[in-house]
C-alpha atoms as a PDB file:
ATOM      1  CA  MET A   1      40.882   9.997 -72.893  1.00  0.00           C
ATOM      2  CA  LEU A   2      44.499  10.480 -71.829  1.00  0.00           C
ATOM      3  CA  ALA A   3      43.503  13.900 -70.169  1.00  0.00           C
ATOM      4  CA  GLN A   4      40.822  11.940 -68.194  1.00  0.00           C
ATOM      5  CA  LYS A   5      43.471   9.442 -67.069  1.00  0.00           C
ATOM      6  CA  ASN A   6      45.901  12.145 -66.075  1.00  0.00           C
ATOM      7  CA  GLU A   7      43.142  14.053 -64.295  1.00  0.00           C
ATOM      8  CA  LEU A   8      42.224  10.740 -62.265  1.00  0.00           C
ATOM      9  CA  GLN A   9      45.878  10.160 -61.502  1.00  0.00           C
ATOM     10  CA  LEU A  10      46.134  13.704 -60.114  1.00  0.00           C
ATOM     11  CA  ILE A  11      43.084  13.310 -57.857  1.00  0.00           C
ATOM     12  CA  CYS A  12      44.408   9.982 -56.549  1.00  0.00           C
ATOM     13  CA  LEU A  13      47.791  11.666 -55.796  1.00  0.00           C
ATOM     14  CA  GLU A  14      45.869  14.648 -54.083  1.00  0.00           C
ATOM     15  CA  ARG A  15      43.783  12.036 -52.122  1.00  0.00           C
ATOM     16  CA  GLU A  16      46.834   9.991 -51.016  1.00  0.00           C
ATOM     17  CA  GLY A  17      48.639  13.366 -50.100  1.00  0.00           C
ATOM     18  CA  CYS A  18      45.614  14.572 -47.963  1.00  0.00           C
ATOM     19  CA  ALA A  19      45.604  11.162 -46.277  1.00  0.00           C
ATOM     20  CA  HIS A  20      49.162  11.194 -45.544  1.00  0.00           C
ATOM     21  CA  LEU A  21      48.887  14.730 -44.282  1.00  0.00           C
ATOM     22  CA  LYS A  22      45.903  13.483 -41.873  1.00  0.00           C
ATOM     23  CA  MET A  23      48.162  10.680 -40.729  1.00  0.00           C
ATOM     24  CA  GLU A  24      51.161  13.083 -40.029  1.00  0.00           C
ATOM     25  CA  ARG A  25      48.714  15.319 -38.296  1.00  0.00           C
ATOM     26  CA  LYS A  26      47.024  12.392 -36.191  1.00  0.00           C
ATOM     27  CA  ALA A  27      50.752  11.271 -35.303  1.00  0.00           C
ATOM     28  CA  SER A  28      51.740  14.842 -34.330  1.00  0.00           C
ATOM     29  CA  ILE A  29      48.539  15.178 -32.125  1.00  0.00           C
ATOM     30  CA  LYS A  30      49.283  11.704 -30.583  1.00  0.00           C
ATOM     31  CA  SER A  31      52.969  12.682 -29.941  1.00  0.00           C
ATOM     32  CA  ARG A  32      51.988  16.010 -28.397  1.00  0.00           C
ATOM     33  CA  ARG A  33      49.398  14.342 -26.191  1.00  0.00           C
ATOM     34  CA  ARG A  34      51.941  11.595 -24.990  1.00  0.00           C
ATOM     35  CA  LYS A  35      54.621  14.366 -24.175  1.00  0.00           C
ATOM     36  CA  ARG A  36      51.848  16.266 -21.985  1.00  0.00           C
ATOM     37  CA  ARG A  37      51.027  12.959 -20.147  1.00  0.00           C
ATOM     38  CA  ILE A  38      54.734  12.399 -19.589  1.00  0.00           C
ATOM     39  CA  ARG A  39      55.119  15.952 -18.360  1.00  0.00           C
ATOM     40  CA  ARG A  40      52.139  15.704 -16.243  1.00  0.00           C
ATOM     41  CA  ARG A  41      53.536  12.483 -14.581  1.00  0.00           C
ATOM     42  CA  ILE A  42      56.965  14.070 -14.067  1.00  0.00           C
ATOM     43  CA  CYS A  43      55.373  16.890 -12.533  1.00  0.00           C
ATOM     44  CA  PHE A  44      53.115  14.716 -10.247  1.00  0.00           C
ATOM     45  CA  GLY A  45      56.196  12.569  -9.208  1.00  0.00           C
ATOM     46  CA  LEU A  46      58.275  15.728  -8.383  1.00  0.00           C
ATOM     47  CA  MET A  47      55.308  17.067  -6.262  1.00  0.00           C
ATOM     48  CA  VAL A  48      54.862  13.688  -4.422  1.00  0.00           C
ATOM     49  CA  ILE A  49      58.808  13.755  -3.837  1.00  0.00           C
ATOM     50  CA  CYS A  50      58.686  17.438  -2.648  1.00  0.00           C
ATOM     51  CA  MET A  51      55.658  16.629  -0.209  1.00  0.00           C
ATOM     52  CA  ALA A  52      57.579  13.674   1.157  1.00  0.00           C
ATOM     53  CA  LEU A  53      60.869  15.643   1.682  1.00  0.00           C
ATOM     54  CA  LEU A  54      58.742  18.376   3.487  1.00  0.00           C
ATOM     55  CA  ALA A  55      56.832  15.775   5.541  1.00  0.00           C
ATOM     56  CA  SER A  56      60.272  14.293   6.302  1.00  0.00           C
ATOM     57  CA  ALA A  57      61.741  17.505   7.342  1.00  0.00           C
ATOM     58  CA  CYS A  58      58.763  18.372   9.639  1.00  0.00           C
ATOM     59  CA  LEU A  59      59.197  15.084  11.183  1.00  0.00           C
ATOM     60  CA  LYS A  60      62.820  15.456  11.960  1.00  0.00           C
ATOM     61  CA  LEU A  61      62.396  18.841  13.309  1.00  0.00           C
ATOM     62  CA  ASN A  62      59.778  17.680  15.600  1.00  0.00           C
ATOM     63  CA  TRP A  63      61.779  14.641  16.459  1.00  0.00           C
ATOM     64  CA  PHE A  64      64.861  16.986  17.201  1.00  0.00           C
ATOM     65  CA  ALA A  65      62.632  19.110  19.349  1.00  0.00           C
ATOM     66  CA  ASN A  66      61.261  16.148  21.334  1.00  0.00           C
ATOM     67  CA  LEU A  67      64.865  14.936  21.726  1.00  0.00           C
ATOM     68  CA  GLN A  68      66.113  18.318  22.853  1.00  0.00           C
ATOM     69  CA  ALA A  69      63.108  18.552  25.466  1.00  0.00           C
ATOM     70  CA  ALA A  70      63.824  15.032  26.660  1.00  0.00           C
ATOM     71  CA  GLY A  71      67.450  15.906  27.085  1.00  0.00           C
ATOM     72  CA  ALA A  72      66.548  19.249  28.953  1.00  0.00           C
ATOM     73  CA  ASP A  73      64.072  17.076  31.299  1.00  0.00           C
ATOM     74  CA  GLU A  74      66.963  14.534  31.956  1.00  0.00           C
ATOM     75  CA  GLY A  75      69.485  17.241  32.654  1.00  0.00           C
ATOM     76  CA  GLN A  76      67.063  18.970  35.129  1.00  0.00           C
ATOM     77  CA  ALA A  77      66.256  15.629  36.826  1.00  0.00           C
ATOM     78  CA  LYS A  78      69.995  14.722  36.958  1.00  0.00           C
ATOM     79  CA  ARG A  79      70.846  18.326  38.539  1.00  0.00           C
ATOM     80  CA  LEU A  80      68.008  17.902  41.044  1.00  0.00           C
ATOM     81  CA  TRP A  81      69.124  14.420  41.957  1.00  0.00           C
ATOM     82  CA  GLU A  82      72.632  15.495  42.532  1.00  0.00           C
ATOM     83  CA  GLU A  83      71.185  18.417  44.661  1.00  0.00           C
ATOM     84  CA  ILE A  84      69.007  16.098  46.827  1.00  0.00           C
ATOM     85  CA  ALA A  85      71.118  12.937  47.100  1.00  0.00           C
ATOM     86  CA  GLY A  86      73.196  14.148  50.022  1.00  0.00           C
ATOM     87  CA  LYS A  87      70.216  15.865  51.949  1.00  0.00           C
ATOM     88  CA  GLU A  88      68.600  12.858  53.710  1.00  0.00           C
ATOM     89  CA  ASP A  89      67.444  15.254  56.478  1.00  0.00           C
ATOM     90  CA  GLU A  90      65.258  16.919  53.836  1.00  0.00           C
ATOM     91  CA  TYR A  91      64.765  14.383  51.166  1.00  0.00           C
ATOM     92  CA  PRO A  92      64.239  10.541  52.040  1.00  0.00           C
ATOM     93  CA  ALA A  93      66.890   8.407  50.285  1.00  0.00           C
ATOM     94  CA  GLU A  94      63.999   6.501  48.475  1.00  0.00           C
ATOM     95  CA  LEU A  95      63.039   9.939  46.870  1.00  0.00           C
ATOM     96  CA  ALA A  96      66.567  10.334  45.391  1.00  0.00           C
ATOM     97  CA  GLU A  97      66.481   6.777  44.211  1.00  0.00           C
ATOM     98  CA  LEU A  98      62.945   7.175  42.631  1.00  0.00           C
ATOM     99  CA  LEU A  99      64.113  10.202  40.601  1.00  0.00           C
ATOM    100  CA  GLU A 100      67.318   8.438  39.650  1.00  0.00           C
ATOM    101  CA  GLN A 101      65.228   5.780  38.110  1.00  0.00           C
ATOM    102  CA  ASN A 102      62.300   7.682  36.697  1.00  0.00           C
ATOM    103  CA  GLU A 103      62.770  11.334  35.698  1.00  0.00           C
ATOM    104  CA  GLU A 104      59.177  11.797  35.199  1.00  0.00           C
ATOM    105  CA  THR A 105      58.757  12.038  39.077  1.00  0.00           C
ATOM    106  CA  GLN A 106      60.911  15.342  38.917  1.00  0.00           C
ATOM    107  CA  ASP A 107      57.959  17.530  40.046  1.00  0.00           C
ATOM    108  CA  PHE A 108      56.932  15.260  42.722  1.00  0.00           C
ATOM    109  CA  VAL A 109      60.395  14.937  44.229  1.00  0.00           C
ATOM    110  CA  GLU A 110      61.107  18.635  44.099  1.00  0.00           C
ATOM    111  CA  ASP A 111      57.814  19.560  45.804  1.00  0.00           C
ATOM    112  CA  TYR A 112      58.428  17.244  48.540  1.00  0.00           C
ATOM    113  CA  PRO A 113      59.257  20.010  51.016  1.00  0.00           C
ATOM    114  CA  GLU A 114      55.923  21.364  50.274  1.00  0.00           C
ATOM    115  CA  ARG A 115      54.043  18.143  50.868  1.00  0.00           C
ATOM    116  CA  ARG A 116      52.113  19.253  53.987  1.00  0.00           C
ATOM    117  CA  SER A 117      50.056  21.417  51.545  1.00  0.00           C
ATOM    118  CA  TYR A 118      48.947  18.173  49.522  1.00  0.00           C
ATOM    119  CA  ILE A 119      48.487  15.466  52.325  1.00  0.00           C
ATOM    120  CA  GLY A 120      45.007  14.934  53.279  1.00  0.00           C
ATOM    121  CA  GLY A 121      43.796  17.733  50.637  1.00  0.00           C
ATOM    122  CA  ALA A 122      40.518  17.373  48.555  1.00  0.00           C
ATOM    123  CA  ILE A 123      40.771  15.107  45.588  1.00  0.00           C
ATOM    124  CA  ASP A 124      38.272  15.121  42.701  1.00  0.00           C
ATOM    125  CA  LEU A 125      38.572  12.421  40.199  1.00  0.00           C
ATOM    126  CA  SER A 126      35.172  13.096  38.277  1.00  0.00           C
ATOM    127  CA  GLY A 127      37.176  14.400  35.257  1.00  0.00           C
ATOM    128  CA  GLU A 128      39.293  11.095  35.066  1.00  0.00           C
ATOM    129  CA  ILE A 129      36.069   8.935  34.367  1.00  0.00           C
ATOM    130  CA  ARG A 130      35.318   9.107  30.682  1.00  0.00           C
ATOM    131  CA  GLY A 131      32.872   6.663  29.104  1.00  0.00           C
ATOM    132  CA  ASP A 132      34.444   3.188  28.893  1.00  0.00           C
ATOM    133  CA  ASP A 133      38.058   4.241  29.165  1.00  0.00           C
ATOM    134  CA  VAL A 134      40.277   2.934  31.992  1.00  0.00           C
ATOM    135  CA  PRO A 135      41.674   5.981  33.683  1.00  0.00           C
ATOM    136  CA  LEU A 136      45.428   6.263  33.781  1.00  0.00           C
ATOM    137  CA  LEU A 137      46.589   7.390  37.473  1.00  0.00           C
ATOM    138  CA  MET A 138      50.222   7.889  38.758  1.00  0.00           C
ATOM    139  CA  GLN A 139      51.100   6.625  42.147  1.00  0.00           C
ATOM    140  CA  TRP A 140      53.341   9.770  42.485  1.00  0.00           C
ATOM    141  CA  ASP A 141      50.543  12.213  41.656  1.00  0.00           C
ATOM    142  CA  LYS A 142      50.962  14.946  44.302  1.00  0.00           C
ATOM    143  CA  ARG A 143      47.234  14.824  45.351  1.00  0.00           C
ATOM    144  CA  TRP A 144      47.847  11.508  47.020  1.00  0.00           C
ATOM    145  CA  GLY A 145      51.695  10.654  46.436  1.00  0.00           C
ATOM    146  CA  TYR A 146      53.077  12.187  49.590  1.00  0.00           C
ATOM    147  CA  ASP A 147      50.357  10.340  51.810  1.00  0.00           C
ATOM    148  CA  LEU A 148      51.479   7.185  53.797  1.00  0.00           C
ATOM    149  CA  TYR A 149      51.282   3.665  52.661  1.00  0.00           C
ATOM    150  CA  GLY A 150      52.712   1.471  55.292  1.00  0.00           C
ATOM    151  CA  ASP A 151      56.142   2.833  56.264  1.00  0.00           C
ATOM    152  CA  SER A 152      56.630   4.599  52.926  1.00  0.00           C
ATOM    153  CA  MET A 153      54.579   6.947  50.530  1.00  0.00           C
ATOM    154  CA  ILE A 154      52.052   6.018  48.051  1.00  0.00           C
ATOM    155  CA  GLY A 155      54.278   7.853  45.485  1.00  0.00           C
ATOM    156  CA  ILE A 156      56.954   5.123  46.011  1.00  0.00           C
ATOM    157  CA  ALA A 157      55.179   1.945  47.186  1.00  0.00           C
ATOM    158  CA  GLY A 158      51.547   2.474  46.092  1.00  0.00           C
ATOM    159  CA  CYS A 159      51.374   0.856  42.729  1.00  0.00           C
ATOM    160  CA  GLY A 160      48.846  -1.643  44.017  1.00  0.00           C
ATOM    161  CA  PRO A 161      46.376   0.614  45.537  1.00  0.00           C
ATOM    162  CA  THR A 162      46.711   2.978  42.533  1.00  0.00           C
ATOM    163  CA  CYS A 163      46.039  -0.070  39.984  1.00  0.00           C
ATOM    164  CA  MET A 164      43.137  -1.163  42.043  1.00  0.00           C
ATOM    165  CA  THR A 165      41.656   2.386  42.044  1.00  0.00           C
ATOM    166  CA  MET A 166      41.987   2.369  38.206  1.00  0.00           C
ATOM    167  CA  ALA A 167      40.088  -0.730  37.868  1.00  0.00           C
ATOM    168  CA  TYR A 168      37.557   0.493  40.704  1.00  0.00           C
ATOM    169  CA  LEU A 169      36.718   3.681  38.949  1.00  0.00           C
ATOM    170  CA  TYR A 170      36.374   1.910  35.524  1.00  0.00           C
ATOM    171  CA  HIS A 171      34.080  -0.760  36.878  1.00  0.00           C
ATOM    172  CA  THR A 172      31.951   1.410  39.202  1.00  0.00           C
ATOM    173  CA  LYS A 173      32.322   5.111  37.981  1.00  0.00           C
ATOM    174  CA  ASP A 174      32.499   6.030  41.475  1.00  0.00           C
ATOM    175  CA  ALA A 175      34.631   9.177  41.578  1.00  0.00           C
ATOM    176  CA  GLU A 176      34.691   9.212  45.632  1.00  0.00           C
ATOM    177  CA  MET A 177      37.475   6.601  45.412  1.00  0.00           C
ATOM    178  CA  ASN A 178      41.042   7.595  44.918  1.00  0.00           C
ATOM    179  CA  PRO A 179      44.403   6.108  45.721  1.00  0.00           C
ATOM    180  CA  ARG A 180      44.647   7.597  49.167  1.00  0.00           C
ATOM    181  CA  LYS A 181      41.296   5.965  50.227  1.00  0.00           C
ATOM    182  CA  MET A 182      42.374   2.784  48.389  1.00  0.00           C
ATOM    183  CA  ALA A 183      45.700   2.715  50.254  1.00  0.00           C
ATOM    184  CA  GLU A 184      43.844   3.310  53.604  1.00  0.00           C
ATOM    185  CA  PHE A 185      41.408   0.510  52.734  1.00  0.00           C
ATOM    186  CA  ALA A 186      44.370  -1.949  51.983  1.00  0.00           C
ATOM    187  CA  GLN A 187      46.158  -1.006  55.079  1.00  0.00           C
ATOM    188  CA  ASP A 188      43.060  -1.481  57.307  1.00  0.00           C
ATOM    189  CA  GLY A 189      42.265  -4.869  55.550  1.00  0.00           C
ATOM    190  CA  GLY A 190      45.613  -6.236  56.123  1.00  0.00           C
ATOM    191  CA  TYR A 191      46.653  -6.121  52.510  1.00  0.00           C
ATOM    192  CA  HIS A 192      49.672  -4.302  53.076  1.00  0.00           C
ATOM    193  CA  THR A 193      52.834  -6.378  54.000  1.00  0.00           C
ATOM    194  CA  THR A 194      56.423  -5.479  54.583  1.00  0.00           C
ATOM    195  CA  GLU A 195      57.024  -6.488  51.045  1.00  0.00           C
ATOM    196  CA  GLY A 196      54.357  -4.337  49.631  1.00  0.00           C
ATOM    197  CA  THR A 197      50.702  -5.127  48.584  1.00  0.00           C
ATOM    198  CA  SER A 198      49.722  -8.750  49.087  1.00  0.00           C
ATOM    199  CA  TRP A 199      48.134 -10.820  46.204  1.00  0.00           C
ATOM    200  CA  ASP A 200      45.155 -11.527  48.360  1.00  0.00           C
ATOM    201  CA  PHE A 201      44.265  -8.001  47.495  1.00  0.00           C
ATOM    202  CA  TRP A 202      43.163  -8.855  44.016  1.00  0.00           C
ATOM    203  CA  ILE A 203      40.727 -11.394  45.110  1.00  0.00           C
ATOM    204  CA  THR A 204      39.602 -11.089  48.786  1.00  0.00           C
ATOM    205  CA  GLY A 205      40.170  -7.289  48.657  1.00  0.00           C
ATOM    206  CA  ALA A 206      38.363  -7.058  45.324  1.00  0.00           C
ATOM    207  CA  LEU A 207      35.252  -8.761  46.638  1.00  0.00           C
ATOM    208  CA  GLU A 208      34.995  -6.326  49.528  1.00  0.00           C
ATOM    209  CA  LEU A 209      35.106  -3.550  47.126  1.00  0.00           C
ATOM    210  CA  GLY A 210      32.202  -4.951  45.272  1.00  0.00           C
ATOM    211  CA  LEU A 211      34.347  -6.296  42.305  1.00  0.00           C
ATOM    212  CA  TYR A 212      35.351  -9.971  41.323  1.00  0.00           C
ATOM    213  CA  GLY A 213      38.800 -10.861  40.991  1.00  0.00           C
ATOM    214  CA  GLU A 214      40.301 -14.187  40.010  1.00  0.00           C
ATOM    215  CA  GLN A 215      43.856 -15.437  39.387  1.00  0.00           C
ATOM    216  CA  ILE A 216      44.403 -16.361  35.734  1.00  0.00           C
ATOM    217  CA  SER A 217      47.047 -18.406  33.797  1.00  0.00           C
ATOM    218  CA  LEU A 218      49.910 -16.648  31.911  1.00  0.00           C
ATOM    219  CA  ASN A 219      48.350 -17.259  28.671  1.00  0.00           C
ATOM    220  CA  GLU A 220      47.668 -14.682  25.701  1.00  0.00           C
ATOM    221  CA  ASN A 221      44.256 -16.010  24.855  1.00  0.00           C
ATOM    222  CA  THR A 222      43.135 -16.061  28.365  1.00  0.00           C
ATOM    223  CA  MET A 223      44.356 -12.551  28.943  1.00  0.00           C
ATOM    224  CA  LYS A 224      42.470 -11.433  25.987  1.00  0.00           C
ATOM    225  CA  SER A 225      39.446 -13.194  26.994  1.00  0.00           C
ATOM    226  CA  VAL A 226      39.318 -11.319  30.079  1.00  0.00           C
ATOM    227  CA  LEU A 227      39.665  -8.039  28.388  1.00  0.00           C
ATOM    228  CA  ASP A 228      37.052  -9.199  25.735  1.00  0.00           C
ATOM    229  CA  CYS A 229      34.570  -9.715  28.601  1.00  0.00           C
ATOM    230  CA  GLY A 230      34.910  -6.133  30.001  1.00  0.00           C
ATOM    231  CA  GLY A 231      37.493  -6.956  32.750  1.00  0.00           C
ATOM    232  CA  VAL A 232      41.065  -5.611  33.249  1.00  0.00           C
ATOM    233  CA  VAL A 233      44.243  -7.616  33.841  1.00  0.00           C
ATOM    234  CA  VAL A 234      46.443  -6.840  36.804  1.00  0.00           C
ATOM    235  CA  CYS A 235      50.101  -8.126  36.626  1.00  0.00           C
ATOM    236  CA  SER A 236      52.683  -8.526  39.223  1.00  0.00           C
ATOM    237  CA  MET A 237      55.840  -7.736  37.629  1.00  0.00           C
ATOM    238  CA  ALA A 238      59.499  -9.065  38.158  1.00  0.00           C
ATOM    239  CA  PRO A 239      62.459  -6.673  37.505  1.00  0.00           C
ATOM    240  CA  GLY A 240      62.739  -5.713  33.824  1.00  0.00           C
ATOM    241  CA  ASP A 241      61.202  -2.993  31.842  1.00  0.00           C
ATOM    242  CA  PHE A 242      58.789  -1.792  34.443  1.00  0.00           C
ATOM    243  CA  THR A 243      60.664  -2.138  37.741  1.00  0.00           C
ATOM    244  CA  THR A 244      64.014  -2.937  39.535  1.00  0.00           C
ATOM    245  CA  LYS A 245      62.275  -4.684  42.510  1.00  0.00           C
ATOM    246  CA  GLY A 246      58.685  -5.456  42.074  1.00  0.00           C
ATOM    247  CA  HIS A 247      55.678  -3.658  40.710  1.00  0.00           C
ATOM    248  CA  PHE A 248      51.916  -3.783  39.614  1.00  0.00           C
ATOM    249  CA  ILE A 249      50.499  -2.675  36.308  1.00  0.00           C
ATOM    250  CA  LEU A 250      47.201  -2.871  34.578  1.00  0.00           C
ATOM    251  CA  LEU A 251      46.303  -4.320  31.041  1.00  0.00           C
ATOM    252  CA  ARG A 252      43.214  -2.370  29.707  1.00  0.00           C
ATOM    253  CA  GLY A 253      42.973  -3.507  26.147  1.00  0.00           C
ATOM    254  CA  TYR A 254      44.773  -5.051  22.984  1.00  0.00           C
ATOM    255  CA  ASP A 255      44.854  -5.052  19.389  1.00  0.00           C
ATOM    256  CA  GLU A 256      47.035  -6.674  16.657  1.00  0.00           C
ATOM    257  CA  ASN A 257      50.005  -4.672  17.774  1.00  0.00           C
ATOM    258  CA  GLY A 258      49.984  -5.910  21.319  1.00  0.00           C
ATOM    259  CA  PHE A 259      48.429  -4.982  24.828  1.00  0.00           C
ATOM    260  CA  PHE A 260      47.671  -1.473  26.013  1.00  0.00           C
ATOM    261  CA  VAL A 261      49.331  -0.973  29.527  1.00  0.00           C
ATOM    262  CA  ASN A 262      48.369   1.423  32.363  1.00  0.00           C
ATOM    263  CA  ASP A 263      51.596   1.709  34.358  1.00  0.00           C
ATOM    264  CA  PRO A 264      51.183   3.704  37.571  1.00  0.00           C
ATOM    265  CA  ASN A 265      54.711   4.771  37.783  1.00  0.00           C
ATOM    266  CA  ARG A 266      55.661   5.709  34.178  1.00  0.00           C
ATOM    267  CA  LYS A 267      53.360   7.629  31.613  1.00  0.00           C
ATOM    268  CA  SER A 268      55.843   6.761  28.787  1.00  0.00           C
ATOM    269  CA  ASN A 269      55.292   2.906  29.370  1.00  0.00           C
ATOM    270  CA  SER A 270      51.612   3.513  29.073  1.00  0.00           C
ATOM    271  CA  GLU A 271      51.922   5.466  25.714  1.00  0.00           C
ATOM    272  CA  LYS A 272      53.242   2.476  23.823  1.00  0.00           C
ATOM    273  CA  GLN A 273      52.010  -1.202  23.206  1.00  0.00           C
ATOM    274  CA  TRP A 274      53.590  -4.379  24.617  1.00  0.00           C
ATOM    275  CA  ASP A 275      53.635  -7.605  22.814  1.00  0.00           C
ATOM    276  CA  PHE A 276      52.853 -10.882  24.896  1.00  0.00           C
ATOM    277  CA  GLU A 277      56.425 -12.238  24.548  1.00  0.00           C
ATOM    278  CA  THR A 278      57.905  -9.019  26.232  1.00  0.00           C
ATOM    279  CA  LEU A 279      55.314  -8.948  29.042  1.00  0.00           C
ATOM    280  CA  SER A 280      55.136 -12.732  29.748  1.00  0.00           C
ATOM    281  CA  SER A 281      58.880 -13.011  30.508  1.00  0.00           C
ATOM    282  CA  GLN A 282      58.479 -10.425  33.267  1.00  0.00           C
ATOM    283  CA  ILE A 283      55.101 -11.308  34.737  1.00  0.00           C
ATOM    284  CA  LYS A 284      55.158 -13.174  38.125  1.00  0.00           C
ATOM    285  CA  ASN A 285      51.350 -13.565  38.590  1.00  0.00           C
ATOM    286  CA  LEU A 286      48.171 -11.993  37.171  1.00  0.00           C
ATOM    287  CA  TRP A 287      44.422 -11.648  37.872  1.00  0.00           C
ATOM    288  CA  GLY A 288      41.442 -10.544  36.143  1.00  0.00           C
ATOM    289  CA  ILE A 289      39.256  -7.890  37.746  1.00  0.00           C
ATOM    290  CA  TYR A 290      35.619  -7.656  36.757  1.00  0.00           C
ATOM    291  CA  LYS A 291      32.551  -5.813  37.747  1.00  0.00           C
ATOM    292  CA  ALA A 292      30.753  -7.997  40.308  1.00  0.00           C
END
C-alpha cells in the first residue's frame, strides 16, 4: 500500500515536471517569436528610414541641379542684358527691358538680329491642339514674336492677341489661327490702342471670331462657373506678380489648390497654381470666353 502511494506520488511529480517543462518551452517559443517580431519591426523601420534618406538625398541633388541651372540661366541673361543695354541701334531699349524683367526671353532677345528669318514665316500650330487642353503659347515665341503689333512687337505687347489665340484654338480647334494673324485681326478691327489691346476685344472682337465673350464679376464662384461651363477666363492684370505695367492672362481650370493659369509671358507662372486671394488683388477686369 505504501509502495503504491509512493509510486503515485512519483507519477504526479513526473507529470508536474513535464507540465512545467512544457510551460517553459511555450514561454521560450513565445519569447523567441516576440524577439523575431521586434527584430523584423526594427529592420523594417531602418529600411523605411534608409529609403526616406535616399529619397531626400535624390531630391536635394535634383534641387541643387535645378538651382545651379537656374543660376546659370540668370547669369547668361544678365550677361546678354549688359551686352545689349547700350546698343539701341541694334537692340531696341524695350528688348533690354524685357530681358531684364524676364530671363525666359533670353533666346528671343538674343536672336533679334536674325528676326527677318522669322517674320512672316510659316506657322503650324496643329501640334498645339491636344484634346480638351487649352494650349499654352508665348507672345515672345520667335515664330511670331518679332512681327509688329501697333508700334511694338507681339513679343513685347502682344499678350492680348496671344491670349485670344489660346482661347480660339481651344474652342474651335482651328490651327490656321495663330498670334500673328490674331494681332493683324485686332489691329484691322480697331482693337489695338496706344495703351495696348482694348477691352472691347474680349466681347465685340470675340463675337467677330465666332466666340462669345462677356464681362464677369470678380467673384471666385463666378469664375469657377465659367470654367465649369467649358469657358476660359481672361484677366486684365494690374502691376504685381505678372506685370509691371499691364498684362492679360488666361485662366483654364481650377482645383482645391487654386486656379491654373496660362500666362503668355512666363512659362514659370503657368507651371504653378494661384489662389483666388492672390489673383483677385491684381485683377482689373475679367471676361468669360465661350464657344458660340
